[in-house]
Amino acid sequence: SAVLLARALPGIYVLPVLLAPVLVGAGQIGRNRALFVGFAAAILLAGY
């Protein structure tokens, strides 16, 4: 949903929208949080 929403918003909002799932996920991942954040951010940015 974030990738689709980022396409419809002005450029200033794109990065916060794409990183929102990363931040949400960071709160739900335990000891592998840093790995999740790094790879999730890369996946979302690359898909967009």
ModelCIF file with pLDDT and N, C-alpha, C, O atoms, coordinates in Angstrom:
data_MODEL
#
_entry.id   MODEL 
#
_entity.id                         1 
_entity.type                       polymer 
_entity.pdbx_number_of_molecules   1 
#
_entity_poly.entity_id                      1 
_entity_poly.type                           'polypeptide(L)' 
_entity_poly.nstd_linkage                   no 
_entity_poly.nstd_monomer                   no 
_entity_poly.pdbx_seq_one_letter_code       SAVLLARALPGIYVLPVLLAPVLVGAGQIGRNRALFVGFAAAILLAGY 
_entity_poly.pdbx_seq_one_letter_code_can   SAVLLARALPGIYVLPVLLAPVLVGAGQIGRNRALFVGFAAAILLAGY 
_entity_poly.pdbx_strand_id                 A 
#
loop_
_entity_poly_seq.entity_id 
_entity_poly_seq.num 
_entity_poly_seq.mon_id 
_entity_poly_seq.hetero 
1 1  SER n 
1 2  ALA n 
1 3  VAL n 
1 4  LEU n 
1 5  LEU n 
1 6  ALA n 
1 7  ARG n 
1 8  ALA n 
1 9  LEU n 
1 10 PRO n 
1 11 GLY n 
1 12 ILE n 
1 13 TYR n 
1 14 VAL n 
1 15 LEU n 
1 16 PRO n 
1 17 VAL n 
1 18 LEU n 
1 19 LEU n 
1 20 ALA n 
1 21 PRO n 
1 22 VAL n 
1 23 LEU n 
1 24 VAL n 
1 25 GLY n 
1 26 ALA n 
1 27 GLY n 
1 28 GLN n 
1 29 ILE n 
1 30 GLY n 
1 31 ARG n 
1 32 ASN n 
1 33 ARG n 
1 34 ALA n 
1 35 LEU n 
1 36 PHE n 
1 37 VAL n 
1 38 GLY n 
1 39 PHE n 
1 40 ALA n 
1 41 ALA n 
1 42 ALA n 
1 43 ILE n 
1 44 LEU n 
1 45 LEU n 
1 46 ALA n 
1 47 GLY n 
1 48 TYR n 
#
_struct_asym.id          A 
_struct_asym.entity_id   1 
#
loop_
_ma_qa_metric.id 
_ma_qa_metric.mode 
_ma_qa_metric.name 
_ma_qa_metric.software_group_id 
_ma_qa_metric.type 
1 global pLDDT . pLDDT 
2 local  pLDDT . pLDDT 
#
_ma_qa_metric_global.metric_id      1 
_ma_qa_metric_global.metric_value   93.48 
_ma_qa_metric_global.model_id       1 
_ma_qa_metric_global.ordinal_id     1 
#
loop_
_ma_qa_metric_local.label_asym_id 
_ma_qa_metric_local.label_comp_id 
_ma_qa_metric_local.label_seq_id 
_ma_qa_metric_local.metric_id 
_ma_qa_metric_local.metric_value 
_ma_qa_metric_local.model_id 
_ma_qa_metric_local.ordinal_id 
A SER 1  2 97.00 1 1  
A ALA 2  2 97.00 1 2  
A VAL 3  2 96.00 1 3  
A LEU 4  2 95.00 1 4  
A LEU 5  2 95.00 1 5  
A ALA 6  2 94.00 1 6  
A ARG 7  2 89.00 1 7  
A ALA 8  2 88.00 1 8  
A LEU 9  2 89.00 1 9  
A PRO 10 2 88.00 1 10 
A GLY 11 2 85.00 1 11 
A ILE 12 2 92.00 1 12 
A TYR 13 2 94.00 1 13 
A VAL 14 2 94.00 1 14 
A LEU 15 2 94.00 1 15 
A PRO 16 2 95.00 1 16 
A VAL 17 2 96.00 1 17 
A LEU 18 2 96.00 1 18 
A LEU 19 2 96.00 1 19 
A ALA 20 2 96.00 1 20 
A PRO 21 2 96.00 1 21 
A VAL 22 2 96.00 1 22 
A LEU 23 2 95.00 1 23 
A VAL 24 2 95.00 1 24 
A GLY 25 2 94.00 1 25 
A ALA 26 2 93.00 1 26 
A GLY 27 2 90.00 1 27 
A GLN 28 2 89.00 1 28 
A ILE 29 2 89.00 1 29 
A GLY 30 2 81.00 1 30 
A ARG 31 2 85.00 1 31 
A ASN 32 2 91.00 1 32 
A ARG 33 2 93.00 1 33 
A ALA 34 2 94.00 1 34 
A LEU 35 2 94.00 1 35 
A PHE 36 2 95.00 1 36 
A VAL 37 2 96.00 1 37 
A GLY 38 2 96.00 1 38 
A PHE 39 2 96.00 1 39 
A ALA 40 2 97.00 1 40 
A ALA 41 2 97.00 1 41 
A ALA 42 2 96.00 1 42 
A ILE 43 2 97.00 1 43 
A LEU 44 2 97.00 1 44 
A LEU 45 2 96.00 1 45 
A ALA 46 2 95.00 1 46 
A GLY 47 2 94.00 1 47 
A TYR 48 2 94.00 1 48 
#
loop_
_atom_site.group_PDB 
_atom_site.id 
_atom_site.type_symbol 
_atom_site.label_atom_id 
_atom_site.label_alt_id 
_atom_site.label_comp_id 
_atom_site.label_asym_id 
_atom_site.label_entity_id 
_atom_site.label_seq_id 
_atom_site.pdbx_PDB_ins_code 
_atom_site.Cartn_x 
_atom_site.Cartn_y 
_atom_site.Cartn_z 
_atom_site.occupancy 
_atom_site.B_iso_or_equiv 
_atom_site.pdbx_formal_charge 
_atom_site.auth_seq_id 
_atom_site.auth_comp_id 
_atom_site.auth_asym_id 
_atom_site.auth_atom_id 
_atom_site.pdbx_PDB_model_num 
ATOM 1   N N  . SER A 1 1  ? 0.835  -1.209 0.000  1.00 97.00 ? 1  SER A N  1 
ATOM 2   C CA . SER A 1 1  ? 0.000  0.000  0.000  1.00 97.00 ? 1  SER A CA 1 
ATOM 3   C C  . SER A 1 1  ? 0.866  1.254  0.000  1.00 97.00 ? 1  SER A C  1 
ATOM 4   O O  . SER A 1 1  ? 0.515  2.250  -0.633 1.00 97.00 ? 1  SER A O  1 
ATOM 5   N N  . ALA A 1 2  ? 1.996  1.214  0.706  1.00 97.00 ? 2  ALA A N  1 
ATOM 6   C CA . ALA A 1 2  ? 2.874  2.385  0.782  1.00 97.00 ? 2  ALA A CA 1 
ATOM 7   C C  . ALA A 1 2  ? 3.456  2.718  -0.586 1.00 97.00 ? 2  ALA A C  1 
ATOM 8   O O  . ALA A 1 2  ? 3.566  3.892  -0.938 1.00 97.00 ? 2  ALA A O  1 
ATOM 9   N N  . VAL A 1 3  ? 3.831  1.698  -1.364 1.00 96.00 ? 3  VAL A N  1 
ATOM 10  C CA . VAL A 1 3  ? 4.390  1.951  -2.695 1.00 96.00 ? 3  VAL A CA 1 
ATOM 11  C C  . VAL A 1 3  ? 3.349  2.617  -3.586 1.00 96.00 ? 3  VAL A C  1 
ATOM 12  O O  . VAL A 1 3  ? 3.666  3.560  -4.310 1.00 96.00 ? 3  VAL A O  1 
ATOM 13  N N  . LEU A 1 4  ? 2.118  2.138  -3.540 1.00 95.00 ? 4  LEU A N  1 
ATOM 14  C CA . LEU A 1 4  ? 1.059  2.732  -4.360 1.00 95.00 ? 4  LEU A CA 1 
ATOM 15  C C  . LEU A 1 4  ? 0.729  4.145  -3.896 1.00 95.00 ? 4  LEU A C  1 
ATOM 16  O O  . LEU A 1 4  ? 0.525  5.040  -4.717 1.00 95.00 ? 4  LEU A O  1 
ATOM 17  N N  . LEU A 1 5  ? 0.677  4.346  -2.583 1.00 95.00 ? 5  LEU A N  1 
ATOM 18  C CA . LEU A 1 5  ? 0.345  5.669  -2.052 1.00 95.00 ? 5  LEU A CA 1 
ATOM 19  C C  . LEU A 1 5  ? 1.443  6.676  -2.374 1.00 95.00 ? 5  LEU A C  1 
ATOM 20  O O  . LEU A 1 5  ? 1.154  7.832  -2.683 1.00 95.00 ? 5  LEU A O  1 
ATOM 21  N N  . ALA A 1 6  ? 2.705  6.242  -2.304 1.00 94.00 ? 6  ALA A N  1 
ATOM 22  C CA . ALA A 1 6  ? 3.820  7.149  -2.576 1.00 94.00 ? 6  ALA A CA 1 
ATOM 23  C C  . ALA A 1 6  ? 3.769  7.689  -3.999 1.00 94.00 ? 6  ALA A C  1 
ATOM 24  O O  . ALA A 1 6  ? 4.207  8.810  -4.254 1.00 94.00 ? 6  ALA A O  1 
ATOM 25  N N  . ARG A 1 7  ? 3.235  6.894  -4.932 1.00 89.00 ? 7  ARG A N  1 
ATOM 26  C CA . ARG A 1 7  ? 3.122  7.351  -6.321 1.00 89.00 ? 7  ARG A CA 1 
ATOM 27  C C  . ARG A 1 7  ? 2.120  8.490  -6.479 1.00 89.00 ? 7  ARG A C  1 
ATOM 28  O O  . ARG A 1 7  ? 2.230  9.303  -7.396 1.00 89.00 ? 7  ARG A O  1 
ATOM 29  N N  . ALA A 1 8  ? 1.146  8.540  -5.581 1.00 88.00 ? 8  ALA A N  1 
ATOM 30  C CA . ALA A 1 8  ? 0.066  9.515  -5.725 1.00 88.00 ? 8  ALA A CA 1 
ATOM 31  C C  . ALA A 1 8  ? 0.311  10.796 -4.938 1.00 88.00 ? 8  ALA A C  1 
ATOM 32  O O  . ALA A 1 8  ? -0.486 11.731 -5.023 1.00 88.00 ? 8  ALA A O  1 
ATOM 33  N N  . LEU A 1 9  ? 1.386  10.856 -4.183 1.00 89.00 ? 9  LEU A N  1 
ATOM 34  C CA . LEU A 1 9  ? 1.639  11.998 -3.312 1.00 89.00 ? 9  LEU A CA 1 
ATOM 35  C C  . LEU A 1 9  ? 2.755  12.878 -3.854 1.00 89.00 ? 9  LEU A C  1 
ATOM 36  O O  . LEU A 1 9  ? 3.590  12.411 -4.629 1.00 89.00 ? 9  LEU A O  1 
ATOM 37  N N  . PRO A 1 10 ? 2.781  14.156 -3.454 1.00 88.00 ? 10 PRO A N  1 
ATOM 38  C CA . PRO A 1 10 ? 3.905  15.031 -3.820 1.00 88.00 ? 10 PRO A CA 1 
ATOM 39  C C  . PRO A 1 10 ? 5.215  14.472 -3.285 1.00 88.00 ? 10 PRO A C  1 
ATOM 40  O O  . PRO A 1 10 ? 5.225  13.723 -2.308 1.00 88.00 ? 10 PRO A O  1 
ATOM 41  N N  . GLY A 1 11 ? 6.321  14.838 -3.930 1.00 85.00 ? 11 GLY A N  1 
ATOM 42  C CA . GLY A 1 11 ? 7.620  14.282 -3.610 1.00 85.00 ? 11 GLY A CA 1 
ATOM 43  C C  . GLY A 1 11 ? 8.035  14.396 -2.162 1.00 85.00 ? 11 GLY A C  1 
ATOM 44  O O  . GLY A 1 11 ? 8.729  13.518 -1.651 1.00 85.00 ? 11 GLY A O  1 
ATOM 45  N N  . ILE A 1 12 ? 7.621  15.471 -1.478 1.00 92.00 ? 12 ILE A N  1 
ATOM 46  C CA . ILE A 1 12 ? 8.056  15.690 -0.099 1.00 92.00 ? 12 ILE A CA 1 
ATOM 47  C C  . ILE A 1 12 ? 7.525  14.608 0.842  1.00 92.00 ? 12 ILE A C  1 
ATOM 48  O O  . ILE A 1 12 ? 8.092  14.381 1.911  1.00 92.00 ? 12 ILE A O  1 
ATOM 49  N N  . TYR A 1 13 ? 6.436  13.940 0.447  1.00 94.00 ? 13 TYR A N  1 
ATOM 50  C CA . TYR A 1 13 ? 5.829  12.925 1.311  1.00 94.00 ? 13 TYR A CA 1 
ATOM 51  C C  . TYR A 1 13 ? 6.279  11.504 0.976  1.00 94.00 ? 13 TYR A C  1 
ATOM 52  O O  . TYR A 1 13 ? 5.976  10.572 1.721  1.00 94.00 ? 13 TYR A O  1 
ATOM 53  N N  . VAL A 1 14 ? 6.984  11.331 -0.112 1.00 94.00 ? 14 VAL A N  1 
ATOM 54  C CA . VAL A 1 14 ? 7.305  9.983  -0.590 1.00 94.00 ? 14 VAL A CA 1 
ATOM 55  C C  . VAL A 1 14 ? 8.141  9.203  0.415  1.00 94.00 ? 14 VAL A C  1 
ATOM 56  O O  . VAL A 1 14 ? 7.785  8.082  0.778  1.00 94.00 ? 14 VAL A O  1 
ATOM 57  N N  . LEU A 1 15 ? 9.254  9.785  0.868  1.00 94.00 ? 15 LEU A N  1 
ATOM 58  C CA . LEU A 1 15 ? 10.142 9.060  1.770  1.00 94.00 ? 15 LEU A CA 1 
ATOM 59  C C  . LEU A 1 15 ? 9.462  8.693  3.092  1.00 94.00 ? 15 LEU A C  1 
ATOM 60  O O  . LEU A 1 15 ? 9.580  7.546  3.525  1.00 94.00 ? 15 LEU A O  1 
ATOM 61  N N  . PRO A 1 16 ? 8.749  9.628  3.757  1.00 95.00 ? 16 PRO A N  1 
ATOM 62  C CA . PRO A 1 16 ? 8.057  9.238  4.989  1.00 95.00 ? 16 PRO A CA 1 
ATOM 63  C C  . PRO A 1 16 ? 7.056  8.108  4.785  1.00 95.00 ? 16 PRO A C  1 
ATOM 64  O O  . PRO A 1 16 ? 6.942  7.218  5.628  1.00 95.00 ? 16 PRO A O  1 
ATOM 65  N N  . VAL A 1 17 ? 6.326  8.138  3.665  1.00 96.00 ? 17 VAL A N  1 
ATOM 66  C CA . VAL A 1 17 ? 5.339  7.086  3.401  1.00 96.00 ? 17 VAL A CA 1 
ATOM 67  C C  . VAL A 1 17 ? 6.031  5.744  3.181  1.00 96.00 ? 17 VAL A C  1 
ATOM 68  O O  . VAL A 1 17 ? 5.576  4.721  3.693  1.00 96.00 ? 17 VAL A O  1 
ATOM 69  N N  . LEU A 1 18 ? 7.127  5.742  2.422  1.00 96.00 ? 18 LEU A N  1 
ATOM 70  C CA . LEU A 1 18 ? 7.830  4.491  2.154  1.00 96.00 ? 18 LEU A CA 1 
ATOM 71  C C  . LEU A 1 18 ? 8.482  3.923  3.412  1.00 96.00 ? 18 LEU A C  1 
ATOM 72  O O  . LEU A 1 18 ? 8.585  2.706  3.567  1.00 96.00 ? 18 LEU A O  1 
ATOM 73  N N  . LEU A 1 19 ? 8.919  4.801  4.306  1.00 96.00 ? 19 LEU A N  1 
ATOM 74  C CA . LEU A 1 19 ? 9.585  4.328  5.516  1.00 96.00 ? 19 LEU A CA 1 
ATOM 75  C C  . LEU A 1 19 ? 8.608  3.968  6.633  1.00 96.00 ? 19 LEU A C  1 
ATOM 76  O O  . LEU A 1 19 ? 9.008  3.365  7.629  1.00 96.00 ? 19 LEU A O  1 
ATOM 77  N N  . ALA A 1 20 ? 7.349  4.325  6.483  1.00 96.00 ? 20 ALA A N  1 
ATOM 78  C CA . ALA A 1 20 ? 6.362  4.016  7.525  1.00 96.00 ? 20 ALA A CA 1 
ATOM 79  C C  . ALA A 1 20 ? 6.282  2.517  7.830  1.00 96.00 ? 20 ALA A C  1 
ATOM 80  O O  . ALA A 1 20 ? 6.309  2.144  9.003  1.00 96.00 ? 20 ALA A O  1 
ATOM 81  N N  . PRO A 1 21 ? 6.184  1.638  6.810  1.00 96.00 ? 21 PRO A N  1 
ATOM 82  C CA . PRO A 1 21 ? 6.149  0.193  7.128  1.00 96.00 ? 21 PRO A CA 1 
ATOM 83  C C  . PRO A 1 21 ? 7.422  -0.286 7.818  1.00 96.00 ? 21 PRO A C  1 
ATOM 84  O O  . PRO A 1 21 ? 7.383  -1.217 8.622  1.00 96.00 ? 21 PRO A O  1 
ATOM 85  N N  . VAL A 1 22 ? 8.554  0.352  7.504  1.00 96.00 ? 22 VAL A N  1 
ATOM 86  C CA . VAL A 1 22 ? 9.821  -0.024 8.142  1.00 96.00 ? 22 VAL A CA 1 
ATOM 87  C C  . VAL A 1 22 ? 9.768  0.285  9.635  1.00 96.00 ? 22 VAL A C  1 
ATOM 88  O O  . VAL A 1 22 ? 10.181 -0.524 10.466 1.00 96.00 ? 22 VAL A O  1 
ATOM 89  N N  . LEU A 1 23 ? 9.256  1.463  9.958  1.00 95.00 ? 23 LEU A N  1 
ATOM 90  C CA . LEU A 1 23 ? 9.175  1.860  11.370 1.00 95.00 ? 23 LEU A CA 1 
ATOM 91  C C  . LEU A 1 23 ? 8.161  1.007  12.125 1.00 95.00 ? 23 LEU A C  1 
ATOM 92  O O  . LEU A 1 23 ? 8.386  0.639  13.278 1.00 95.00 ? 23 LEU A O  1 
ATOM 93  N N  . VAL A 1 24 ? 7.045  0.696  11.472 1.00 95.00 ? 24 VAL A N  1 
ATOM 94  C CA . VAL A 1 24 ? 6.046  -0.175 12.104 1.00 95.00 ? 24 VAL A CA 1 
ATOM 95  C C  . VAL A 1 24 ? 6.647  -1.549 12.357 1.00 95.00 ? 24 VAL A C  1 
ATOM 96  O O  . VAL A 1 24 ? 6.477  -2.125 13.431 1.00 95.00 ? 24 VAL A O  1 
ATOM 97  N N  . GLY A 1 25 ? 7.350  -2.067 11.359 1.00 94.00 ? 25 GLY A N  1 
ATOM 98  C CA . GLY A 1 25 ? 7.963  -3.376 11.513 1.00 94.00 ? 25 GLY A CA 1 
ATOM 99  C C  . GLY A 1 25 ? 9.051  -3.395 12.573 1.00 94.00 ? 25 GLY A C  1 
ATOM 100 O O  . GLY A 1 25 ? 9.216  -4.392 13.277 1.00 94.00 ? 25 GLY A O  1 
ATOM 101 N N  . ALA A 1 26 ? 9.794  -2.300 12.692 1.00 93.00 ? 26 ALA A N  1 
ATOM 102 C CA . ALA A 1 26 ? 10.864 -2.237 13.689 1.00 93.00 ? 26 ALA A CA 1 
ATOM 103 C C  . ALA A 1 26 ? 10.318 -2.423 15.095 1.00 93.00 ? 26 ALA A C  1 
ATOM 104 O O  . ALA A 1 26 ? 11.005 -2.941 15.975 1.00 93.00 ? 26 ALA A O  1 
ATOM 105 N N  . GLY A 1 27 ? 9.072  -1.995 15.299 1.00 90.00 ? 27 GLY A N  1 
ATOM 106 C CA . GLY A 1 27 ? 8.462  -2.158 16.615 1.00 90.00 ? 27 GLY A CA 1 
ATOM 107 C C  . GLY A 1 27 ? 7.973  -3.572 16.886 1.00 90.00 ? 27 GLY A C  1 
ATOM 108 O O  . GLY A 1 27 ? 7.621  -3.903 18.018 1.00 90.00 ? 27 GLY A O  1 
ATOM 109 N N  . GLN A 1 28 ? 7.949  -4.419 15.836 1.00 89.00 ? 28 GLN A N  1 
ATOM 110 C CA . GLN A 1 28 ? 7.438  -5.782 16.006 1.00 89.00 ? 28 GLN A CA 1 
ATOM 111 C C  . GLN A 1 28 ? 8.516  -6.853 15.866 1.00 89.00 ? 28 GLN A C  1 
ATOM 112 O O  . GLN A 1 28 ? 8.266  -8.030 16.128 1.00 89.00 ? 28 GLN A O  1 
ATOM 113 N N  . ILE A 1 29 ? 9.707  -6.447 15.453 1.00 89.00 ? 29 ILE A N  1 
ATOM 114 C CA . ILE A 1 29 ? 10.809 -7.398 15.278 1.00 89.00 ? 29 ILE A CA 1 
ATOM 115 C C  . ILE A 1 29 ? 11.689 -7.368 16.510 1.00 89.00 ? 29 ILE A C  1 
ATOM 116 O O  . ILE A 1 29 ? 11.947 -6.301 17.067 1.00 89.00 ? 29 ILE A O  1 
ATOM 117 N N  . GLY A 1 30 ? 12.148 -8.519 16.935 1.00 81.00 ? 30 GLY A N  1 
ATOM 118 C CA . GLY A 1 30 ? 12.967 -8.608 18.136 1.00 81.00 ? 30 GLY A CA 1 
ATOM 119 C C  . GLY A 1 30 ? 14.438 -8.386 17.866 1.00 81.00 ? 30 GLY A C  1 
ATOM 120 O O  . GLY A 1 30 ? 14.853 -7.291 17.488 1.00 81.00 ? 30 GLY A O  1 
ATOM 121 N N  . ARG A 1 31 ? 15.236 -9.442 18.063 1.00 85.00 ? 31 ARG A N  1 
ATOM 122 C CA . ARG A 1 31 ? 16.692 -9.284 18.013 1.00 85.00 ? 31 ARG A CA 1 
ATOM 123 C C  . ARG A 1 31 ? 17.237 -9.036 16.616 1.00 85.00 ? 31 ARG A C  1 
ATOM 124 O O  . ARG A 1 31 ? 18.394 -8.640 16.475 1.00 85.00 ? 31 ARG A O  1 
ATOM 125 N N  . ASN A 1 32 ? 16.443 -9.255 15.589 1.00 91.00 ? 32 ASN A N  1 
ATOM 126 C CA . ASN A 1 32 ? 16.897 -9.020 14.210 1.00 91.00 ? 32 ASN A CA 1 
ATOM 127 C C  . ASN A 1 32 ? 16.375 -7.693 13.657 1.00 91.00 ? 32 ASN A C  1 
ATOM 128 O O  . ASN A 1 32 ? 16.229 -7.525 12.447 1.00 91.00 ? 32 ASN A O  1 
ATOM 129 N N  . ARG A 1 33 ? 16.102 -6.767 14.556 1.00 93.00 ? 33 ARG A N  1 
ATOM 130 C CA . ARG A 1 33 ? 15.487 -5.497 14.148 1.00 93.00 ? 33 ARG A CA 1 
ATOM 131 C C  . ARG A 1 33 ? 16.354 -4.731 13.141 1.00 93.00 ? 33 ARG A C  1 
ATOM 132 O O  . ARG A 1 33 ? 15.840 -4.220 12.145 1.00 93.00 ? 33 ARG A O  1 
ATOM 133 N N  . ALA A 1 34 ? 17.646 -4.652 13.391 1.00 94.00 ? 34 ALA A N  1 
ATOM 134 C CA . ALA A 1 34 ? 18.519 -3.880 12.503 1.00 94.00 ? 34 ALA A CA 1 
ATOM 135 C C  . ALA A 1 34 ? 18.547 -4.479 11.099 1.00 94.00 ? 34 ALA A C  1 
ATOM 136 O O  . ALA A 1 34 ? 18.534 -3.745 10.111 1.00 94.00 ? 34 ALA A O  1 
ATOM 137 N N  . LEU A 1 35 ? 18.587 -5.798 11.009 1.00 94.00 ? 35 LEU A N  1 
ATOM 138 C CA . LEU A 1 35 ? 18.557 -6.453 9.700  1.00 94.00 ? 35 LEU A CA 1 
ATOM 139 C C  . LEU A 1 35 ? 17.248 -6.171 8.984  1.00 94.00 ? 35 LEU A C  1 
ATOM 140 O O  . LEU A 1 35 ? 17.240 -5.879 7.788  1.00 94.00 ? 35 LEU A O  1 
ATOM 141 N N  . PHE A 1 36 ? 16.143 -6.256 9.709  1.00 95.00 ? 36 PHE A N  1 
ATOM 142 C CA . PHE A 1 36 ? 14.847 -5.983 9.090  1.00 95.00 ? 36 PHE A CA 1 
ATOM 143 C C  . PHE A 1 36 ? 14.782 -4.555 8.576  1.00 95.00 ? 36 PHE A C  1 
ATOM 144 O O  . PHE A 1 36 ? 14.362 -4.326 7.442  1.00 95.00 ? 36 PHE A O  1 
ATOM 145 N N  . VAL A 1 37 ? 15.187 -3.600 9.387  1.00 96.00 ? 37 VAL A N  1 
ATOM 146 C CA . VAL A 1 37 ? 15.106 -2.186 8.999  1.00 96.00 ? 37 VAL A CA 1 
ATOM 147 C C  . VAL A 1 37 ? 15.927 -1.925 7.742  1.00 96.00 ? 37 VAL A C  1 
ATOM 148 O O  . VAL A 1 37 ? 15.449 -1.270 6.815  1.00 96.00 ? 37 VAL A O  1 
ATOM 149 N N  . GLY A 1 38 ? 17.147 -2.426 7.702  1.00 96.00 ? 38 GLY A N  1 
ATOM 150 C CA . GLY A 1 38 ? 18.007 -2.190 6.547  1.00 96.00 ? 38 GLY A CA 1 
ATOM 151 C C  . GLY A 1 38 ? 17.454 -2.793 5.270  1.00 96.00 ? 38 GLY A C  1 
ATOM 152 O O  . GLY A 1 38 ? 17.378 -2.117 4.244  1.00 96.00 ? 38 GLY A O  1 
ATOM 153 N N  . PHE A 1 39 ? 17.069 -4.056 5.324  1.00 96.00 ? 39 PHE A N  1 
ATOM 154 C CA . PHE A 1 39 ? 16.576 -4.724 4.126  1.00 96.00 ? 39 PHE A CA 1 
ATOM 155 C C  . PHE A 1 39 ? 15.187 -4.222 3.728  1.00 96.00 ? 39 PHE A C  1 
ATOM 156 O O  . PHE A 1 39 ? 14.899 -4.084 2.539  1.00 96.00 ? 39 PHE A O  1 
ATOM 157 N N  . ALA A 1 40 ? 14.328 -3.951 4.704  1.00 97.00 ? 40 ALA A N  1 
ATOM 158 C CA . ALA A 1 40 ? 12.982 -3.470 4.382  1.00 97.00 ? 40 ALA A CA 1 
ATOM 159 C C  . ALA A 1 40 ? 13.050 -2.104 3.703  1.00 97.00 ? 40 ALA A C  1 
ATOM 160 O O  . ALA A 1 40 ? 12.340 -1.859 2.727  1.00 97.00 ? 40 ALA A O  1 
ATOM 161 N N  . ALA A 1 41 ? 13.894 -1.223 4.211  1.00 97.00 ? 41 ALA A N  1 
ATOM 162 C CA . ALA A 1 41 ? 14.038 0.097  3.593  1.00 97.00 ? 41 ALA A CA 1 
ATOM 163 C C  . ALA A 1 41 ? 14.542 -0.038 2.160  1.00 97.00 ? 41 ALA A C  1 
ATOM 164 O O  . ALA A 1 41 ? 14.064 0.658  1.263  1.00 97.00 ? 41 ALA A O  1 
ATOM 165 N N  . ALA A 1 42 ? 15.500 -0.926 1.944  1.00 96.00 ? 42 ALA A N  1 
ATOM 166 C CA . ALA A 1 42 ? 16.045 -1.137 0.599  1.00 96.00 ? 42 ALA A CA 1 
ATOM 167 C C  . ALA A 1 42 ? 14.978 -1.682 -0.348 1.00 96.00 ? 42 ALA A C  1 
ATOM 168 O O  . ALA A 1 42 ? 14.892 -1.243 -1.495 1.00 96.00 ? 42 ALA A O  1 
ATOM 169 N N  . ILE A 1 43 ? 14.180 -2.616 0.108  1.00 97.00 ? 43 ILE A N  1 
ATOM 170 C CA . ILE A 1 43 ? 13.132 -3.212 -0.730 1.00 97.00 ? 43 ILE A CA 1 
ATOM 171 C C  . ILE A 1 43 ? 12.085 -2.171 -1.123 1.00 97.00 ? 43 ILE A C  1 
ATOM 172 O O  . ILE A 1 43 ? 11.694 -2.089 -2.287 1.00 97.00 ? 43 ILE A O  1 
ATOM 173 N N  . LEU A 1 44 ? 11.638 -1.383 -0.160 1.00 97.00 ? 44 LEU A N  1 
ATOM 174 C CA . LEU A 1 44 ? 10.602 -0.380 -0.441 1.00 97.00 ? 44 LEU A CA 1 
ATOM 175 C C  . LEU A 1 44 ? 11.118 0.706  -1.380 1.00 97.00 ? 44 LEU A C  1 
ATOM 176 O O  . LEU A 1 44 ? 10.420 1.099  -2.314 1.00 97.00 ? 44 LEU A O  1 
ATOM 177 N N  . LEU A 1 45 ? 12.323 1.190  -1.142 1.00 96.00 ? 45 LEU A N  1 
ATOM 178 C CA . LEU A 1 45 ? 12.889 2.219  -2.012 1.00 96.00 ? 45 LEU A CA 1 
ATOM 179 C C  . LEU A 1 45 ? 13.117 1.679  -3.424 1.00 96.00 ? 45 LEU A C  1 
ATOM 180 O O  . LEU A 1 45 ? 12.862 2.376  -4.406 1.00 96.00 ? 45 LEU A O  1 
ATOM 181 N N  . ALA A 1 46 ? 13.597 0.439  -3.524 1.00 95.00 ? 46 ALA A N  1 
ATOM 182 C CA . ALA A 1 46 ? 13.861 -0.140 -4.833 1.00 95.00 ? 46 ALA A CA 1 
ATOM 183 C C  . ALA A 1 46 ? 12.567 -0.380 -5.603 1.00 95.00 ? 46 ALA A C  1 
ATOM 184 O O  . ALA A 1 46 ? 12.505 -0.118 -6.804 1.00 95.00 ? 46 ALA A O  1 
ATOM 185 N N  . GLY A 1 47 ? 11.544 -0.869 -4.931 1.00 94.00 ? 47 GLY A N  1 
ATOM 186 C CA . GLY A 1 47 ? 10.265 -1.088 -5.606 1.00 94.00 ? 47 GLY A CA 1 
ATOM 187 C C  . GLY A 1 47 ? 9.669  0.211  -6.119 1.00 94.00 ? 47 GLY A C  1 
ATOM 188 O O  . GLY A 1 47 ? 9.165  0.272  -7.241 1.00 94.00 ? 47 GLY A O  1 
ATOM 189 N N  . TYR A 1 48 ? 9.727  1.242  -5.302 1.00 94.00 ? 48 TYR A N  1 
ATOM 190 C CA . TYR A 1 48 ? 9.243  2.549  -5.739 1.00 94.00 ? 48 TYR A CA 1 
ATOM 191 C C  . TYR A 1 48 ? 10.085 3.075  -6.890 1.00 94.00 ? 48 TYR A C  1 
ATOM 192 O O  . TYR A 1 48 ? 9.827  4.169  -7.394 1.00 94.00 ? 48 TYR A O  1 
#
